[in-house]
């Protein structure tokens, strides 16, 4: 990510990767990692992978190719743990992942 944009990552989020899913569909998560982020409140409509249209709460921007999926757990600076609706990897002109956008 461009150095000027990295300066915008003034908040911290915690991300815990999914480890297992039990027979009831409940997902367990590993140890959380703190990441610098920019959290922008943004209410929009988003279409999930299953076709359902749901409202989003915010966009979370992370530097580089962050290890996060829709099965991960994210804790925002306000202490909430919203459902991750989508994860987008954005590339730079060389094809490398520049930043990751998480829609919650």
PDB file of N, CA and C in Angstrom:
ATOM      1  N   UNK A   1       0.849  -1.169   0.000  1.00  0.00           N
ATOM      2  CA  UNK A   1       0.000   0.000   0.000  1.00  0.00           C
ATOM      3  C   UNK A   1       0.893   1.228   0.000  1.00  0.00           C
ATOM      4  N   UNK A   2       0.491   2.229  -0.721  1.00  0.00           N
ATOM      5  CA  UNK A   2       1.231   3.478  -0.791  1.00  0.00           C
ATOM      6  C   UNK A   2       1.429   4.051   0.606  1.00  0.00           C
ATOM      7  N   UNK A   3       2.608   4.606   0.867  1.00  0.00           N
ATOM      8  CA  UNK A   3       2.941   5.132   2.200  1.00  0.00           C
ATOM      9  C   UNK A   3       1.939   6.171   2.679  1.00  0.00           C
ATOM     10  N   UNK A   4       1.436   7.013   1.781  1.00  0.00           N
ATOM     11  CA  UNK A   4       0.456   8.023   2.174  1.00  0.00           C
ATOM     12  C   UNK A   4      -0.843   7.369   2.634  1.00  0.00           C
ATOM     13  N   UNK A   5      -1.196   6.259   1.999  1.00  0.00           N
ATOM     14  CA  UNK A   5      -2.418   5.560   2.386  1.00  0.00           C
ATOM     15  C   UNK A   5      -2.233   4.771   3.679  1.00  0.00           C
ATOM     16  N   UNK A   6      -1.040   4.236   3.896  1.00  0.00           N
ATOM     17  CA  UNK A   6      -0.765   3.517   5.142  1.00  0.00           C
ATOM     18  C   UNK A   6      -0.988   4.448   6.328  1.00  0.00           C
ATOM     19  N   UNK A   7      -0.710   5.735   6.150  1.00  0.00           N
ATOM     20  CA  UNK A   7      -0.934   6.710   7.212  1.00  0.00           C
ATOM     21  C   UNK A   7      -2.395   6.851   7.604  1.00  0.00           C
ATOM     22  N   UNK A   8      -3.303   6.389   6.755  1.00  0.00           N
ATOM     23  CA  UNK A   8      -4.741   6.442   7.074  1.00  0.00           C
ATOM     24  C   UNK A   8      -5.184   5.284   7.970  1.00  0.00           C
ATOM     25  N   UNK A   9      -4.322   4.295   8.150  1.00  0.00           N
ATOM     26  CA  UNK A   9      -4.672   3.122   8.966  1.00  0.00           C
ATOM     27  C   UNK A   9      -4.453   3.462  10.442  1.00  0.00           C
ATOM     28  N   UNK A  10      -5.328   4.271  10.991  1.00  0.00           N
ATOM     29  CA  UNK A  10      -5.183   4.796  12.350  1.00  0.00           C
ATOM     30  C   UNK A  10      -5.932   3.996  13.406  1.00  0.00           C
ATOM     31  N   UNK A  11      -6.653   2.951  13.003  1.00  0.00           N
ATOM     32  CA  UNK A  11      -7.424   2.151  13.947  1.00  0.00           C
ATOM     33  C   UNK A  11      -6.842   0.738  14.004  1.00  0.00           C
ATOM     34  N   UNK A  12      -7.305  -0.029  14.968  1.00  0.00           N
ATOM     35  CA  UNK A  12      -6.848  -1.409  15.117  1.00  0.00           C
ATOM     36  C   UNK A  12      -8.049  -2.332  15.162  1.00  0.00           C
ATOM     37  N   UNK A  13      -7.979  -3.427  14.402  1.00  0.00           N
ATOM     38  CA  UNK A  13      -8.988  -4.469  14.456  1.00  0.00           C
ATOM     39  C   UNK A  13      -8.297  -5.770  14.837  1.00  0.00           C
ATOM     40  N   UNK A  14      -9.055  -6.686  15.387  1.00  0.00           N
ATOM     41  CA  UNK A  14      -8.535  -8.018  15.711  1.00  0.00           C
ATOM     42  C   UNK A  14      -9.168  -9.013  14.744  1.00  0.00           C
ATOM     43  N   UNK A  15      -8.343  -9.897  14.181  1.00  0.00           N
ATOM     44  CA  UNK A  15      -8.827 -10.899  13.241  1.00  0.00           C
ATOM     45  C   UNK A  15      -8.403 -12.274  13.745  1.00  0.00           C
ATOM     46  N   UNK A  16      -9.387 -13.176  13.856  1.00  0.00           N
ATOM     47  CA  UNK A  16      -9.126 -14.552  14.256  1.00  0.00           C
ATOM     48  C   UNK A  16      -9.574 -15.472  13.129  1.00  0.00           C
ATOM     49  N   UNK A  17      -8.676 -16.317  12.665  1.00  0.00           N
ATOM     50  CA  UNK A  17      -8.995 -17.241  11.575  1.00  0.00           C
ATOM     51  C   UNK A  17      -9.887 -18.366  12.067  1.00  0.00           C
ATOM     52  N   UNK A  18     -10.756 -18.840  11.185  1.00  0.00           N
ATOM     53  CA  UNK A  18     -11.613 -19.977  11.499  1.00  0.00           C
ATOM     54  C   UNK A  18     -10.749 -21.228  11.597  1.00  0.00           C
ATOM     55  N   UNK A  19     -11.019 -22.064  12.595  1.00  0.00           N
ATOM     56  CA  UNK A  19     -10.239 -23.288  12.748  1.00  0.00           C
ATOM     57  C   UNK A  19     -11.072 -24.525  12.433  1.00  0.00           C
ATOM     58  N   UNK A  20     -12.241 -24.649  13.031  1.00  0.00           N
ATOM     59  CA  UNK A  20     -13.096 -25.812  12.796  1.00  0.00           C
ATOM     60  C   UNK A  20     -14.566 -25.400  12.809  1.00  0.00           C
ATOM     61  N   UNK A  21     -15.395 -26.265  12.237  1.00  0.00           N
ATOM     62  CA  UNK A  21     -16.847 -26.090  12.280  1.00  0.00           C
ATOM     63  C   UNK A  21     -17.437 -27.383  12.808  1.00  0.00           C
ATOM     64  N   UNK A  22     -18.298 -27.265  13.836  1.00  0.00           N
ATOM     65  CA  UNK A  22     -18.875 -28.476  14.418  1.00  0.00           C
ATOM     66  C   UNK A  22     -20.117 -28.929  13.644  1.00  0.00           C
ATOM     67  N   UNK A  23     -20.767 -29.985  14.112  1.00  0.00           N
ATOM     68  CA  UNK A  23     -21.927 -30.552  13.429  1.00  0.00           C
ATOM     69  C   UNK A  23     -23.116 -29.595  13.394  1.00  0.00           C
ATOM     70  N   UNK A  24     -23.126 -28.596  14.255  1.00  0.00           N
ATOM     71  CA  UNK A  24     -24.224 -27.637  14.306  1.00  0.00           C
ATOM     72  C   UNK A  24     -23.929 -26.400  13.456  1.00  0.00           C
ATOM     73  N   UNK A  25     -22.805 -26.393  12.745  1.00  0.00           N
ATOM     74  CA  UNK A  25     -22.439 -25.272  11.897  1.00  0.00           C
ATOM     75  C   UNK A  25     -21.782 -24.128  12.640  1.00  0.00           C
ATOM     76  N   UNK A  26     -21.410 -24.344  13.906  1.00  0.00           N
ATOM     77  CA  UNK A  26     -20.760 -23.306  14.700  1.00  0.00           C
ATOM     78  C   UNK A  26     -19.252 -23.349  14.439  1.00  0.00           C
ATOM     79  N   UNK A  27     -18.685 -22.195  14.135  1.00  0.00           N
ATOM     80  CA  UNK A  27     -17.269 -22.110  13.798  1.00  0.00           C
ATOM     81  C   UNK A  27     -16.444 -21.710  15.017  1.00  0.00           C
ATOM     82  N   UNK A  28     -15.332 -22.408  15.228  1.00  0.00           N
ATOM     83  CA  UNK A  28     -14.373 -22.040  16.269  1.00  0.00           C
ATOM     84  C   UNK A  28     -13.274 -21.221  15.613  1.00  0.00           C
ATOM     85  N   UNK A  29     -12.695 -20.306  16.391  1.00  0.00           N
ATOM     86  CA  UNK A  29     -11.656 -19.428  15.863  1.00  0.00           C
ATOM     87  C   UNK A  29     -10.393 -19.545  16.691  1.00  0.00           C
ATOM     88  N   UNK A  30      -9.266 -19.314  16.040  1.00  0.00           N
ATOM     89  CA  UNK A  30      -7.970 -19.361  16.710  1.00  0.00           C
ATOM     90  C   UNK A  30      -7.683 -18.058  17.428  1.00  0.00           C
ATOM     91  N   UNK A  31      -6.430 -17.869  17.752  1.00  0.00           N
ATOM     92  CA  UNK A  31      -5.982 -16.668  18.443  1.00  0.00           C
ATOM     93  C   UNK A  31      -6.064 -15.470  17.507  1.00  0.00           C
ATOM     94  N   UNK A  32      -6.572 -14.370  18.025  1.00  0.00           N
ATOM     95  CA  UNK A  32      -6.732 -13.159  17.215  1.00  0.00           C
ATOM     96  C   UNK A  32      -5.403 -12.427  17.036  1.00  0.00           C
ATOM     97  N   UNK A  33      -5.261 -11.801  15.882  1.00  0.00           N
ATOM     98  CA  UNK A  33      -4.111 -10.976  15.551  1.00  0.00           C
ATOM     99  C   UNK A  33      -4.596  -9.550  15.363  1.00  0.00           C
ATOM    100  N   UNK A  34      -3.869  -8.590  15.933  1.00  0.00           N
ATOM    101  CA  UNK A  34      -4.249  -7.183  15.768  1.00  0.00           C
ATOM    102  C   UNK A  34      -3.615  -6.636  14.495  1.00  0.00           C
ATOM    103  N   UNK A  35      -4.423  -5.907  13.724  1.00  0.00           N
ATOM    104  CA  UNK A  35      -3.963  -5.326  12.467  1.00  0.00           C
ATOM    105  C   UNK A  35      -4.341  -3.852  12.405  1.00  0.00           C
ATOM    106  N   UNK A  36      -3.465  -3.051  11.815  1.00  0.00           N
ATOM    107  CA  UNK A  36      -3.785  -1.647  11.573  1.00  0.00           C
ATOM    108  C   UNK A  36      -4.847  -1.602  10.487  1.00  0.00           C
ATOM    109  N   UNK A  37      -5.820  -0.710  10.661  1.00  0.00           N
ATOM    110  CA  UNK A  37      -6.946  -0.675   9.728  1.00  0.00           C
ATOM    111  C   UNK A  37      -7.526   0.723   9.609  1.00  0.00           C
ATOM    112  N   UNK A  38      -8.345   0.875   8.591  1.00  0.00           N
ATOM    113  CA  UNK A  38      -9.190   2.058   8.449  1.00  0.00           C
ATOM    114  C   UNK A  38     -10.613   1.518   8.379  1.00  0.00           C
ATOM    115  N   UNK A  39     -11.438   1.921   9.338  1.00  0.00           N
ATOM    116  CA  UNK A  39     -12.830   1.475   9.389  1.00  0.00           C
ATOM    117  C   UNK A  39     -13.705   2.645   8.966  1.00  0.00           C
ATOM    118  N   UNK A  40     -14.422   2.467   7.872  1.00  0.00           N
ATOM    119  CA  UNK A  40     -15.315   3.506   7.364  1.00  0.00           C
ATOM    120  C   UNK A  40     -16.755   3.027   7.491  1.00  0.00           C
ATOM    121  N   UNK A  41     -17.541   3.645   8.379  1.00  0.00           N
ATOM    122  CA  UNK A  41     -18.956   3.277   8.454  1.00  0.00           C
ATOM    123  C   UNK A  41     -19.602   3.492   7.078  1.00  0.00           C
ATOM    124  N   UNK A  42     -20.252   2.484   6.579  1.00  0.00           N
ATOM    125  CA  UNK A  42     -20.865   2.594   5.258  1.00  0.00           C
ATOM    126  C   UNK A  42     -22.025   1.606   5.177  1.00  0.00           C
ATOM    127  N   UNK A  43     -23.229   2.121   5.149  1.00  0.00           N
ATOM    128  CA  UNK A  43     -24.407   1.278   5.017  1.00  0.00           C
ATOM    129  C   UNK A  43     -24.756   1.183   3.538  1.00  0.00           C
ATOM    130  N   UNK A  44     -24.595  -0.006   2.995  1.00  0.00           N
ATOM    131  CA  UNK A  44     -24.924  -0.286   1.599  1.00  0.00           C
ATOM    132  C   UNK A  44     -25.591  -1.650   1.533  1.00  0.00           C
ATOM    133  N   UNK A  45     -26.107  -1.969   0.394  1.00  0.00           N
ATOM    134  CA  UNK A  45     -26.658  -3.305   0.160  1.00  0.00           C
ATOM    135  C   UNK A  45     -25.583  -4.130  -0.534  1.00  0.00           C
ATOM    136  N   UNK A  46     -25.380  -5.356  -0.067  1.00  0.00           N
ATOM    137  CA  UNK A  46     -24.376  -6.224  -0.676  1.00  0.00           C
ATOM    138  C   UNK A  46     -24.998  -7.589  -0.937  1.00  0.00           C
ATOM    139  N   UNK A  47     -24.629  -8.180  -2.054  1.00  0.00           N
ATOM    140  CA  UNK A  47     -25.122  -9.514  -2.397  1.00  0.00           C
ATOM    141  C   UNK A  47     -24.075 -10.530  -1.948  1.00  0.00           C
ATOM    142  N   UNK A  48     -24.467 -11.418  -1.052  1.00  0.00           N
ATOM    143  CA  UNK A  48     -23.561 -12.446  -0.552  1.00  0.00           C
ATOM    144  C   UNK A  48     -23.405 -13.547  -1.598  1.00  0.00           C
ATOM    145  N   UNK A  49     -22.476 -14.455  -1.360  1.00  0.00           N
ATOM    146  CA  UNK A  49     -22.199 -15.553  -2.285  1.00  0.00           C
ATOM    147  C   UNK A  49     -23.431 -16.429  -2.519  1.00  0.00           C
ATOM    148  N   UNK A  50     -24.318 -16.517  -1.517  1.00  0.00           N
ATOM    149  CA  UNK A  50     -25.516 -17.353  -1.665  1.00  0.00           C
ATOM    150  C   UNK A  50     -26.663 -16.617  -2.365  1.00  0.00           C
ATOM    151  N   UNK A  51     -26.426 -15.361  -2.788  1.00  0.00           N
ATOM    152  CA  UNK A  51     -27.431 -14.601  -3.510  1.00  0.00           C
ATOM    153  C   UNK A  51     -28.283 -13.688  -2.644  1.00  0.00           C
ATOM    154  N   UNK A  52     -28.194 -13.839  -1.330  1.00  0.00           N
ATOM    155  CA  UNK A  52     -28.980 -13.000  -0.422  1.00  0.00           C
ATOM    156  C   UNK A  52     -28.438 -11.572  -0.430  1.00  0.00           C
ATOM    157  N   UNK A  53     -29.344 -10.596  -0.395  1.00  0.00           N
ATOM    158  CA  UNK A  53     -28.957  -9.193  -0.331  1.00  0.00           C
ATOM    159  C   UNK A  53     -29.133  -8.730   1.110  1.00  0.00           C
ATOM    160  N   UNK A  54     -28.027  -8.221   1.703  1.00  0.00           N
ATOM    161  CA  UNK A  54     -28.045  -7.807   3.112  1.00  0.00           C
ATOM    162  C   UNK A  54     -27.386  -6.440   3.248  1.00  0.00           C
ATOM    163  N   UNK A  55     -27.707  -5.700   4.316  1.00  0.00           N
ATOM    164  CA  UNK A  55     -27.056  -4.400   4.504  1.00  0.00           C
ATOM    165  C   UNK A  55     -25.676  -4.569   5.130  1.00  0.00           C
ATOM    166  N   UNK A  56     -24.741  -3.728   4.700  1.00  0.00           N
ATOM    167  CA  UNK A  56     -23.418  -3.728   5.324  1.00  0.00           C
ATOM    168  C   UNK A  56     -23.388  -2.656   6.400  1.00  0.00           C
ATOM    169  N   UNK A  57     -22.423  -2.779   7.320  1.00  0.00           N
ATOM    170  CA  UNK A  57     -22.254  -1.816   8.408  1.00  0.00           C
ATOM    171  C   UNK A  57     -21.064  -0.894   8.136  1.00  0.00           C
ATOM    172  N   UNK A  58     -20.000  -1.482   7.580  1.00  0.00           N
ATOM    173  CA  UNK A  58     -18.772  -0.717   7.376  1.00  0.00           C
ATOM    174  C   UNK A  58     -17.862  -1.424   6.378  1.00  0.00           C
ATOM    175  N   UNK A  59     -16.894  -0.647   5.862  1.00  0.00           N
ATOM    176  CA  UNK A  59     -15.798  -1.187   5.074  1.00  0.00           C
ATOM    177  C   UNK A  59     -14.559  -1.086   5.952  1.00  0.00           C
ATOM    178  N   UNK A  60     -13.773  -2.157   5.975  1.00  0.00           N
ATOM    179  CA  UNK A  60     -12.531  -2.174   6.740  1.00  0.00           C
ATOM    180  C   UNK A  60     -11.395  -2.383   5.749  1.00  0.00           C
ATOM    181  N   UNK A  61     -10.455  -1.448   5.717  1.00  0.00           N
ATOM    182  CA  UNK A  61      -9.312  -1.528   4.811  1.00  0.00           C
ATOM    183  C   UNK A  61      -8.083  -1.976   5.588  1.00  0.00           C
ATOM    184  N   UNK A  62      -7.384  -3.003   5.060  1.00  0.00           N
ATOM    185  CA  UNK A  62      -6.180  -3.554   5.674  1.00  0.00           C
ATOM    186  C   UNK A  62      -5.043  -3.488   4.660  1.00  0.00           C
ATOM    187  N   UNK A  63      -3.835  -3.286   5.129  1.00  0.00           N
ATOM    188  CA  UNK A  63      -2.667  -3.202   4.257  1.00  0.00           C
ATOM    189  C   UNK A  63      -2.305  -4.577   3.723  1.00  0.00           C
ATOM    190  N   UNK A  64      -1.996  -4.656   2.444  1.00  0.00           N
ATOM    191  CA  UNK A  64      -1.476  -5.875   1.835  1.00  0.00           C
ATOM    192  C   UNK A  64      -2.479  -7.008   1.749  1.00  0.00           C
ATOM    193  N   UNK A  65      -1.935  -8.203   1.637  1.00  0.00           N
ATOM    194  CA  UNK A  65      -2.722  -9.418   1.473  1.00  0.00           C
ATOM    195  C   UNK A  65      -3.033 -10.010   2.849  1.00  0.00           C
ATOM    196  N   UNK A  66      -3.969  -9.405   3.559  1.00  0.00           N
ATOM    197  CA  UNK A  66      -4.310  -9.847   4.912  1.00  0.00           C
ATOM    198  C   UNK A  66      -4.930 -11.241   4.871  1.00  0.00           C
ATOM    199  N   UNK A  67      -4.569 -12.045   5.849  1.00  0.00           N
ATOM    200  CA  UNK A  67      -5.089 -13.403   5.945  1.00  0.00           C
ATOM    201  C   UNK A  67      -6.457 -13.364   6.631  1.00  0.00           C
ATOM    202  N   UNK A  68      -7.509 -13.202   5.824  1.00  0.00           N
ATOM    203  CA  UNK A  68      -8.867 -13.101   6.346  1.00  0.00           C
ATOM    204  C   UNK A  68      -9.832 -13.642   5.300  1.00  0.00           C
ATOM    205  N   UNK A  69     -10.853 -14.354   5.758  1.00  0.00           N
ATOM    206  CA  UNK A  69     -11.896 -14.891   4.880  1.00  0.00           C
ATOM    207  C   UNK A  69     -13.250 -14.544   5.495  1.00  0.00           C
ATOM    208  N   UNK A  70     -14.311 -14.905   4.804  1.00  0.00           N
ATOM    209  CA  UNK A  70     -15.651 -14.654   5.341  1.00  0.00           C
ATOM    210  C   UNK A  70     -15.947 -15.543   6.549  1.00  0.00           C
ATOM    211  N   UNK A  71     -15.135 -16.557   6.783  1.00  0.00           N
ATOM    212  CA  UNK A  71     -15.296 -17.433   7.947  1.00  0.00           C
ATOM    213  C   UNK A  71     -14.523 -16.929   9.164  1.00  0.00           C
ATOM    214  N   UNK A  72     -13.641 -15.951   8.961  1.00  0.00           N
ATOM    215  CA  UNK A  72     -12.867 -15.381  10.066  1.00  0.00           C
ATOM    216  C   UNK A  72     -13.774 -14.566  10.975  1.00  0.00           C
ATOM    217  N   UNK A  73     -13.231 -14.187  12.120  1.00  0.00           N
ATOM    218  CA  UNK A  73     -13.953 -13.316  13.056  1.00  0.00           C
ATOM    219  C   UNK A  73     -13.172 -12.016  13.175  1.00  0.00           C
ATOM    220  N   UNK A  74     -13.868 -10.896  13.016  1.00  0.00           N
ATOM    221  CA  UNK A  74     -13.228  -9.592  13.116  1.00  0.00           C
ATOM    222  C   UNK A  74     -13.864  -8.822  14.265  1.00  0.00           C
ATOM    223  N   UNK A  75     -13.016  -8.190  15.059  1.00  0.00           N
ATOM    224  CA  UNK A  75     -13.491  -7.338  16.146  1.00  0.00           C
ATOM    225  C   UNK A  75     -13.106  -5.910  15.797  1.00  0.00           C
ATOM    226  N   UNK A  76     -14.118  -5.051  15.684  1.00  0.00           N
ATOM    227  CA  UNK A  76     -13.907  -3.661  15.313  1.00  0.00           C
ATOM    228  C   UNK A  76     -13.464  -2.840  16.521  1.00  0.00           C
ATOM    229  N   UNK A  77     -12.969  -1.608  16.300  1.00  0.00           N
ATOM    230  CA  UNK A  77     -12.513  -0.773  17.414  1.00  0.00           C
ATOM    231  C   UNK A  77     -13.590  -0.519  18.478  1.00  0.00           C
ATOM    232  N   UNK A  78     -14.877  -0.566  18.097  1.00  0.00           N
ATOM    233  CA  UNK A  78     -15.939  -0.344  19.081  1.00  0.00           C
ATOM    234  C   UNK A  78     -16.287  -1.601  19.874  1.00  0.00           C
ATOM    235  N   UNK A  79     -15.553  -2.710  19.626  1.00  0.00           N
ATOM    236  CA  UNK A  79     -15.753  -3.943  20.374  1.00  0.00           C
ATOM    237  C   UNK A  79     -16.764  -4.902  19.760  1.00  0.00           C
ATOM    238  N   UNK A  80     -17.436  -4.514  18.683  1.00  0.00           N
ATOM    239  CA  UNK A  80     -18.410  -5.399  18.049  1.00  0.00           C
ATOM    240  C   UNK A  80     -17.714  -6.414  17.161  1.00  0.00           C
ATOM    241  N   UNK A  81     -18.372  -7.545  16.947  1.00  0.00           N
ATOM    242  CA  UNK A  81     -17.852  -8.598  16.075  1.00  0.00           C
ATOM    243  C   UNK A  81     -18.905  -8.909  15.000  1.00  0.00           C
ATOM    244  N   UNK A  82     -19.003  -8.047  13.989  1.00  0.00           N
ATOM    245  CA  UNK A  82     -20.007  -8.264  12.953  1.00  0.00           C
ATOM    246  C   UNK A  82     -19.642  -9.430  12.038  1.00  0.00           C
ATOM    247  N   UNK A  83     -20.629  -9.913  11.317  1.00  0.00           N
ATOM    248  CA  UNK A  83     -20.412 -10.964  10.330  1.00  0.00           C
ATOM    249  C   UNK A  83     -19.649 -10.367   9.150  1.00  0.00           C
ATOM    250  N   UNK A  84     -18.662 -11.097   8.660  1.00  0.00           N
ATOM    251  CA  UNK A  84     -17.921 -10.659   7.478  1.00  0.00           C
ATOM    252  C   UNK A  84     -18.732 -11.071   6.250  1.00  0.00           C
ATOM    253  N   UNK A  85     -19.175 -10.082   5.485  1.00  0.00           N
ATOM    254  CA  UNK A  85     -20.019 -10.330   4.325  1.00  0.00           C
ATOM    255  C   UNK A  85     -19.211 -10.606   3.063  1.00  0.00           C
ATOM    256  N   UNK A  86     -18.061  -9.940   2.925  1.00  0.00           N
ATOM    257  CA  UNK A  86     -17.229 -10.122   1.729  1.00  0.00           C
ATOM    258  C   UNK A  86     -15.797  -9.704   2.025  1.00  0.00           C
ATOM    259  N   UNK A  87     -14.864 -10.305   1.304  1.00  0.00           N
ATOM    260  CA  UNK A  87     -13.449  -9.947   1.382  1.00  0.00           C
ATOM    261  C   UNK A  87     -12.976  -9.736  -0.051  1.00  0.00           C
ATOM    262  N   UNK A  88     -12.410  -8.554  -0.308  1.00  0.00           N
ATOM    263  CA  UNK A  88     -11.925  -8.221  -1.647  1.00  0.00           C
ATOM    264  C   UNK A  88     -10.431  -7.921  -1.587  1.00  0.00           C
ATOM    265  N   UNK A  89      -9.681  -8.533  -2.484  1.00  0.00           N
ATOM    266  CA  UNK A  89      -8.244  -8.277  -2.603  1.00  0.00           C
ATOM    267  C   UNK A  89      -8.042  -7.332  -3.786  1.00  0.00           C
ATOM    268  N   UNK A  90      -7.428  -6.181  -3.557  1.00  0.00           N
ATOM    269  CA  UNK A  90      -7.188  -5.199  -4.614  1.00  0.00           C
ATOM    270  C   UNK A  90      -5.705  -5.188  -4.966  1.00  0.00           C
ATOM    271  N   UNK A  91      -5.406  -5.286  -6.257  1.00  0.00           N
ATOM    272  CA  UNK A  91      -4.018  -5.375  -6.704  1.00  0.00           C
ATOM    273  C   UNK A  91      -3.504  -4.028  -7.206  1.00  0.00           C
ATOM    274  N   UNK A  92      -2.174  -3.918  -7.223  1.00  0.00           N
ATOM    275  CA  UNK A  92      -1.545  -2.710  -7.767  1.00  0.00           C
ATOM    276  C   UNK A  92      -1.178  -2.966  -9.235  1.00  0.00           C
ATOM    277  N   UNK A  93      -0.434  -2.041  -9.832  1.00  0.00           N
ATOM    278  CA  UNK A  93      -0.099  -2.149 -11.250  1.00  0.00           C
ATOM    279  C   UNK A  93       0.811  -3.325 -11.570  1.00  0.00           C
ATOM    280  N   UNK A  94       1.473  -3.913 -10.549  1.00  0.00           N
ATOM    281  CA  UNK A  94       2.345  -5.063 -10.790  1.00  0.00           C
ATOM    282  C   UNK A  94       1.614  -6.391 -10.624  1.00  0.00           C
ATOM    283  N   UNK A  95       0.376  -6.330 -10.134  1.00  0.00           N
ATOM    284  CA  UNK A  95      -0.397  -7.545  -9.911  1.00  0.00           C
ATOM    285  C   UNK A  95      -0.328  -8.052  -8.482  1.00  0.00           C
ATOM    286  N   UNK A  96       0.494  -7.421  -7.640  1.00  0.00           N
ATOM    287  CA  UNK A  96       0.589  -7.809  -6.230  1.00  0.00           C
ATOM    288  C   UNK A  96      -0.606  -7.233  -5.465  1.00  0.00           C
ATOM    289  N   UNK A  97      -1.019  -7.922  -4.409  1.00  0.00           N
ATOM    290  CA  UNK A  97      -2.131  -7.425  -3.601  1.00  0.00           C
ATOM    291  C   UNK A  97      -1.681  -6.178  -2.848  1.00  0.00           C
ATOM    292  N   UNK A  98      -2.357  -5.064  -3.095  1.00  0.00           N
ATOM    293  CA  UNK A  98      -2.037  -3.773  -2.488  1.00  0.00           C
ATOM    294  C   UNK A  98      -2.728  -3.630  -1.135  1.00  0.00           C
ATOM    295  N   UNK A  99      -4.019  -3.947  -1.109  1.00  0.00           N
ATOM    296  CA  UNK A  99      -4.773  -3.854   0.143  1.00  0.00           C
ATOM    297  C   UNK A  99      -5.962  -4.806   0.098  1.00  0.00           C
ATOM    298  N   UNK A 100      -6.502  -5.072   1.257  1.00  0.00           N
ATOM    299  CA  UNK A 100      -7.653  -5.943   1.407  1.00  0.00           C
ATOM    300  C   UNK A 100      -8.810  -5.136   1.951  1.00  0.00           C
ATOM    301  N   UNK A 101      -9.976  -5.247   1.311  1.00  0.00           N
ATOM    302  CA  UNK A 101     -11.186  -4.569   1.774  1.00  0.00           C
ATOM    303  C   UNK A 101     -12.122  -5.619   2.344  1.00  0.00           C
ATOM    304  N   UNK A 102     -12.544  -5.429   3.576  1.00  0.00           N
ATOM    305  CA  UNK A 102     -13.457  -6.346   4.248  1.00  0.00           C
ATOM    306  C   UNK A 102     -14.779  -5.618   4.423  1.00  0.00           C
ATOM    307  N   UNK A 103     -15.866  -6.231   3.972  1.00  0.00           N
ATOM    308  CA  UNK A 103     -17.190  -5.638   4.110  1.00  0.00           C
ATOM    309  C   UNK A 103     -17.894  -6.353   5.262  1.00  0.00           C
ATOM    310  N   UNK A 104     -18.292  -5.561   6.258  1.00  0.00           N
ATOM    311  CA  UNK A 104     -19.000  -6.127   7.430  1.00  0.00           C
ATOM    312  C   UNK A 104     -20.357  -5.480   7.577  1.00  0.00           C
TER     313      UNK A 104
END
